[in-house]
C-alpha atoms as a PDB file:
ATOM      1  CA  MET A   1       5.977 -18.397   6.321  1.00  0.00           C
ATOM      2  CA  PRO A   2       8.868 -16.662   4.526  1.00  0.00           C
ATOM      3  CA  ARG A   3      12.250 -16.374   6.137  1.00  0.00           C
ATOM      4  CA  TRP A   4      13.183 -12.884   7.297  1.00  0.00           C
ATOM      5  CA  ARG A   5      16.449 -12.987   5.352  1.00  0.00           C
ATOM      6  CA  ASP A   6      14.559 -13.617   2.084  1.00  0.00           C
ATOM      7  CA  VAL A   7      12.212 -10.716   2.761  1.00  0.00           C
ATOM      8  CA  LYS A   8      15.091  -8.446   3.771  1.00  0.00           C
ATOM      9  CA  HIS A   9      17.052  -9.197   0.587  1.00  0.00           C
ATOM     10  CA  LYS A  10      13.954  -8.567  -1.534  1.00  0.00           C
ATOM     11  CA  LYS A  11      13.657 -12.169  -2.677  1.00  0.00           C
ATOM     12  CA  ILE A  12      10.094 -12.241  -1.385  1.00  0.00           C
ATOM     13  CA  LYS A  13       7.691  -9.317  -1.195  1.00  0.00           C
ATOM     14  CA  LYS A  14       4.620  -9.451   0.976  1.00  0.00           C
ATOM     15  CA  ASN A  15       1.264  -8.001   0.108  1.00  0.00           C
ATOM     16  CA  ILE A  16      -0.093  -7.194   3.558  1.00  0.00           C
ATOM     17  CA  GLU A  17      -3.640  -6.373   2.415  1.00  0.00           C
ATOM     18  CA  LYS A  18      -4.367  -9.744   0.803  1.00  0.00           C
ATOM     19  CA  LYS A  19      -1.946 -11.814   2.905  1.00  0.00           C
ATOM     20  CA  GLU A  20      -0.460 -13.217  -0.312  1.00  0.00           C
ATOM     21  CA  GLU A  21       3.178 -13.615  -1.171  1.00  0.00           C
ATOM     22  CA  ILE A  22       4.434 -12.345  -4.490  1.00  0.00           C
ATOM     23  CA  SER A  23       7.778 -13.992  -5.111  1.00  0.00           C
ATOM     24  CA  PHE A  24       9.998 -12.175  -7.552  1.00  0.00           C
ATOM     25  CA  ILE A  25      12.985  -9.922  -7.881  1.00  0.00           C
ATOM     26  CA  PRO A  26      12.445  -6.968 -10.230  1.00  0.00           C
ATOM     27  CA  ALA A  27      14.772  -6.845 -13.229  1.00  0.00           C
ATOM     28  CA  SER A  28      17.435  -4.198 -12.829  1.00  0.00           C
ATOM     29  CA  ILE A  29      17.330  -1.097 -14.992  1.00  0.00           C
ATOM     30  CA  PRO A  30      20.764  -1.760 -16.585  1.00  0.00           C
ATOM     31  CA  ASP A  31      19.691  -5.311 -17.506  1.00  0.00           C
ATOM     32  CA  ARG A  32      16.452  -3.996 -18.990  1.00  0.00           C
ATOM     33  CA  LEU A  33      18.398  -1.460 -21.067  1.00  0.00           C
ATOM     34  CA  LYS A  34      20.881  -4.095 -22.285  1.00  0.00           C
ATOM     35  CA  ALA A  35      18.027  -6.433 -23.226  1.00  0.00           C
ATOM     36  CA  PHE A  36      16.295  -3.611 -25.116  1.00  0.00           C
ATOM     37  CA  LEU A  37      19.477  -2.795 -27.053  1.00  0.00           C
ATOM     38  CA  THR A  38      20.049  -6.465 -27.846  1.00  0.00           C
ATOM     39  CA  ASP A  39      16.484  -6.788 -29.140  1.00  0.00           C
ATOM     40  CA  THR A  40      16.959  -3.657 -31.216  1.00  0.00           C
ATOM     41  CA  PHE A  41      19.848  -5.264 -33.056  1.00  0.00           C
ATOM     42  CA  MET A  42      18.361  -8.764 -33.233  1.00  0.00           C
ATOM     43  CA  ILE A  43      14.770  -7.904 -34.176  1.00  0.00           C
ATOM     44  CA  THR A  44      14.460  -4.297 -35.329  1.00  0.00           C
ATOM     45  CA  MET A  45      17.603  -3.931 -37.462  1.00  0.00           C
ATOM     46  CA  PRO A  46      16.853  -6.902 -39.753  1.00  0.00           C
ATOM     47  CA  ILE A  47      13.312  -5.602 -40.267  1.00  0.00           C
ATOM     48  CA  LEU A  48      14.690  -2.135 -41.081  1.00  0.00           C
ATOM     49  CA  TYR A  49      17.144  -3.577 -43.578  1.00  0.00           C
ATOM     50  CA  ILE A  50      14.518  -5.755 -45.282  1.00  0.00           C
ATOM     51  CA  VAL A  51      12.022  -2.896 -45.554  1.00  0.00           C
ATOM     52  CA  ILE A  52      14.475  -0.230 -46.734  1.00  0.00           C
ATOM     53  CA  TYR A  53      16.457  -2.272 -49.245  1.00  0.00           C
ATOM     54  CA  LEU A  54      14.231  -5.176 -50.283  1.00  0.00           C
ATOM     55  CA  VAL A  55      10.670  -3.855 -49.974  1.00  0.00           C
ATOM     56  CA  MET A  56      11.178  -0.146 -50.701  1.00  0.00           C
ATOM     57  CA  GLY A  57      14.201  -0.603 -52.994  1.00  0.00           C
ATOM     58  CA  SER A  58      16.501   2.104 -51.627  1.00  0.00           C
ATOM     59  CA  ARG A  59      17.026   4.703 -48.901  1.00  0.00           C
ATOM     60  CA  GLU A  60      15.780   7.420 -51.216  1.00  0.00           C
ATOM     61  CA  GLU A  61      12.546   5.537 -51.866  1.00  0.00           C
ATOM     62  CA  PHE A  62      12.122   4.974 -48.110  1.00  0.00           C
ATOM     63  CA  LYS A  63      12.756   8.671 -47.506  1.00  0.00           C
ATOM     64  CA  SER A  64      10.147   9.729 -50.039  1.00  0.00           C
ATOM     65  CA  HIS A  65       7.526   7.321 -48.595  1.00  0.00           C
ATOM     66  CA  MET A  66       8.557   7.414 -44.933  1.00  0.00           C
ATOM     67  CA  GLY A  67       5.082   6.948 -43.429  1.00  0.00           C
ATOM     68  CA  GLU A  68       4.454   3.832 -45.475  1.00  0.00           C
ATOM     69  CA  GLY A  69       7.960   2.549 -44.712  1.00  0.00           C
ATOM     70  CA  TRP A  70       7.509   2.936 -40.956  1.00  0.00           C
ATOM     71  CA  LEU A  71       4.214   1.054 -41.162  1.00  0.00           C
ATOM     72  CA  TYR A  72       6.058  -1.767 -42.925  1.00  0.00           C
ATOM     73  CA  ILE A  73       8.573  -1.753 -40.064  1.00  0.00           C
ATOM     74  CA  LEU A  74       6.273  -1.343 -37.057  1.00  0.00           C
ATOM     75  CA  ILE A  75       3.631  -3.937 -37.969  1.00  0.00           C
ATOM     76  CA  PRO A  76       6.056  -6.911 -38.191  1.00  0.00           C
ATOM     77  CA  HIS A  77       7.896  -5.604 -35.123  1.00  0.00           C
ATOM     78  CA  LEU A  78       4.617  -5.458 -33.186  1.00  0.00           C
ATOM     79  CA  LEU A  79       3.721  -9.013 -34.234  1.00  0.00           C
ATOM     80  CA  ILE A  80       7.141 -10.453 -33.414  1.00  0.00           C
ATOM     81  CA  VAL A  81       7.644  -8.740 -30.040  1.00  0.00           C
ATOM     82  CA  THR A  82       4.110  -9.311 -28.739  1.00  0.00           C
ATOM     83  CA  SER A  83       4.314 -12.961 -29.823  1.00  0.00           C
ATOM     84  CA  PHE A  84       7.548 -13.422 -27.882  1.00  0.00           C
ATOM     85  CA  TRP A  85       6.040 -11.750 -24.802  1.00  0.00           C
ATOM     86  CA  SER A  86       2.797 -13.741 -24.934  1.00  0.00           C
ATOM     87  CA  PHE A  87       4.138 -17.193 -25.783  1.00  0.00           C
ATOM     88  CA  LYS A  88       7.624 -17.235 -24.251  1.00  0.00           C
ATOM     89  CA  GLY A  89       7.420 -14.388 -21.723  1.00  0.00           C
ATOM     90  CA  GLN A  90      10.669 -12.961 -23.055  1.00  0.00           C
ATOM     91  CA  THR A  91      12.379 -11.736 -26.195  1.00  0.00           C
ATOM     92  CA  PRO A  92      15.850 -12.997 -27.186  1.00  0.00           C
ATOM     93  CA  GLY A  93      17.491  -9.991 -25.504  1.00  0.00           C
ATOM     94  CA  MET A  94      15.507 -10.578 -22.331  1.00  0.00           C
ATOM     95  CA  LYS A  95      16.482 -14.251 -22.380  1.00  0.00           C
ATOM     96  CA  ALA A  96      20.160 -13.253 -22.642  1.00  0.00           C
ATOM     97  CA  TYR A  97      19.864 -11.239 -19.415  1.00  0.00           C
ATOM     98  CA  ASP A  98      17.511 -13.632 -17.543  1.00  0.00           C
ATOM     99  CA  ILE A  99      14.550 -11.256 -17.623  1.00  0.00           C
ATOM    100  CA  LYS A 100      10.954 -12.319 -18.022  1.00  0.00           C
ATOM    101  CA  ILE A 101       7.661 -10.461 -18.358  1.00  0.00           C
ATOM    102  CA  VAL A 102       4.846 -11.775 -16.189  1.00  0.00           C
ATOM    103  CA  ASN A 103       1.378 -10.622 -15.234  1.00  0.00           C
ATOM    104  CA  LYS A 104      -0.011 -10.447 -11.704  1.00  0.00           C
ATOM    105  CA  ALA A 105      -0.656 -14.209 -11.731  1.00  0.00           C
ATOM    106  CA  MET A 106       3.076 -14.729 -12.485  1.00  0.00           C
ATOM    107  CA  LYS A 107       2.273 -16.169 -15.916  1.00  0.00           C
ATOM    108  CA  ASN A 108       3.130 -14.901 -19.391  1.00  0.00           C
ATOM    109  CA  PRO A 109       1.044 -11.858 -20.290  1.00  0.00           C
ATOM    110  CA  ASN A 110      -1.905 -12.522 -22.570  1.00  0.00           C
ATOM    111  CA  ILE A 111      -1.927 -11.115 -26.092  1.00  0.00           C
ATOM    112  CA  PHE A 112      -4.103  -8.155 -25.069  1.00  0.00           C
ATOM    113  CA  GLN A 113      -1.675  -7.178 -22.280  1.00  0.00           C
ATOM    114  CA  SER A 114       1.254  -7.557 -24.679  1.00  0.00           C
ATOM    115  CA  ILE A 115      -0.303  -5.318 -27.332  1.00  0.00           C
ATOM    116  CA  ILE A 116      -1.250  -2.664 -24.754  1.00  0.00           C
ATOM    117  CA  ARG A 117       2.258  -2.853 -23.295  1.00  0.00           C
ATOM    118  CA  TYR A 118       3.819  -2.491 -26.760  1.00  0.00           C
ATOM    119  CA  PHE A 119       1.921   0.692 -27.626  1.00  0.00           C
ATOM    120  CA  LEU A 120       2.380   2.184 -24.170  1.00  0.00           C
ATOM    121  CA  MET A 121       6.091   1.388 -24.351  1.00  0.00           C
ATOM    122  CA  GLN A 122       6.387   3.538 -27.475  1.00  0.00           C
ATOM    123  CA  ILE A 123       4.712   6.415 -25.629  1.00  0.00           C
ATOM    124  CA  SER A 124       6.916   5.888 -22.552  1.00  0.00           C
ATOM    125  CA  ILE A 125      10.092   5.938 -24.640  1.00  0.00           C
ATOM    126  CA  PHE A 126       9.167   9.108 -26.501  1.00  0.00           C
ATOM    127  CA  SER A 127       7.956  10.926 -23.386  1.00  0.00           C
ATOM    128  CA  ILE A 128      10.968   9.802 -21.276  1.00  0.00           C
ATOM    129  CA  ILE A 129       8.865  10.300 -18.123  1.00  0.00           C
ATOM    130  CA  GLY A 130       7.332   6.837 -18.433  1.00  0.00           C
ATOM    131  CA  ILE A 131      10.788   5.246 -18.483  1.00  0.00           C
ATOM    132  CA  LEU A 132      12.231   7.426 -15.696  1.00  0.00           C
ATOM    133  CA  LEU A 133       9.384   6.322 -13.440  1.00  0.00           C
ATOM    134  CA  ALA A 134      11.302   3.074 -12.837  1.00  0.00           C
ATOM    135  CA  LEU A 135      14.048   5.018 -11.058  1.00  0.00           C
ATOM    136  CA  PHE A 136      11.656   6.107  -8.327  1.00  0.00           C
ATOM    137  CA  ARG A 137       9.822   2.827  -7.689  1.00  0.00           C
ATOM    138  CA  LYS A 138      11.017  -0.115  -5.604  1.00  0.00           C
ATOM    139  CA  ASP A 139       9.462  -2.611  -8.018  1.00  0.00           C
ATOM    140  CA  LYS A 140      11.181  -0.843 -10.979  1.00  0.00           C
ATOM    141  CA  GLN A 141       7.938  -0.651 -12.963  1.00  0.00           C
ATOM    142  CA  THR A 142       7.705   1.796 -15.830  1.00  0.00           C
ATOM    143  CA  LEU A 143       4.518   3.488 -16.986  1.00  0.00           C
ATOM    144  CA  HIS A 144       3.807   0.797 -19.574  1.00  0.00           C
ATOM    145  CA  ASP A 145       4.323  -1.943 -16.958  1.00  0.00           C
ATOM    146  CA  ILE A 146       1.894  -0.280 -14.555  1.00  0.00           C
ATOM    147  CA  LEU A 147      -0.834   0.342 -17.140  1.00  0.00           C
ATOM    148  CA  SER A 148      -0.564  -3.124 -18.708  1.00  0.00           C
ATOM    149  CA  PHE A 149      -0.410  -4.889 -15.292  1.00  0.00           C
ATOM    150  CA  THR A 150       2.902  -6.578 -16.064  1.00  0.00           C
ATOM    151  CA  TYR A 151       6.197  -6.975 -14.224  1.00  0.00           C
ATOM    152  CA  MET A 152       9.719  -7.474 -15.541  1.00  0.00           C
ATOM    153  CA  ILE A 153      11.420  -9.927 -13.223  1.00  0.00           C
ATOM    154  CA  LYS A 154      14.662 -11.821 -12.979  1.00  0.00           C
ATOM    155  CA  SER A 155      13.620 -15.192 -14.393  1.00  0.00           C
ATOM    156  CA  GLU A 156      16.250 -17.273 -12.590  1.00  0.00           C
ATOM    157  CA  ASP A 157      14.828 -16.242  -9.203  1.00  0.00           C
ATOM    158  CA  GLU A 158      11.198 -16.828 -10.139  1.00  0.00           C
ATOM    159  CA  ILE A 159       9.333 -19.123  -7.768  1.00  0.00           C
ATOM    160  CA  ASP A 160       6.259 -20.894  -9.148  1.00  0.00           C
END
């Protein structure tokens, strides 16, 4: 039986229908944004540099073959990010801010969930609505979290 203080301070959420306890604190939106920006500089920027200057040869060459260049960027990015999510449950930026991605069983998402989440995240970012959804939900889930059945939680408060 959970203590009332833990439930009140959102350390424990109760699912009344199934009489199960889901123990997590959702990651805050500022922490999620900081983790995303950190990952952008740690993962995406090196890939961009390698593709533009080493693979394509120059900015002008990248500009003239932009579709091919973005494929060279997005495929390694997809592989790296989904691998981090599936095997570690967090990217380096998420680790820096104590955030973890889990599925409903409170385990790392499987590779299928990670790939779905990755593609839906791109759509959420470009549509803005998918990201803003987190502002109106208590569990801070975005559209890509909801559709991929994942949660971003504070990893230090996770209870196994």
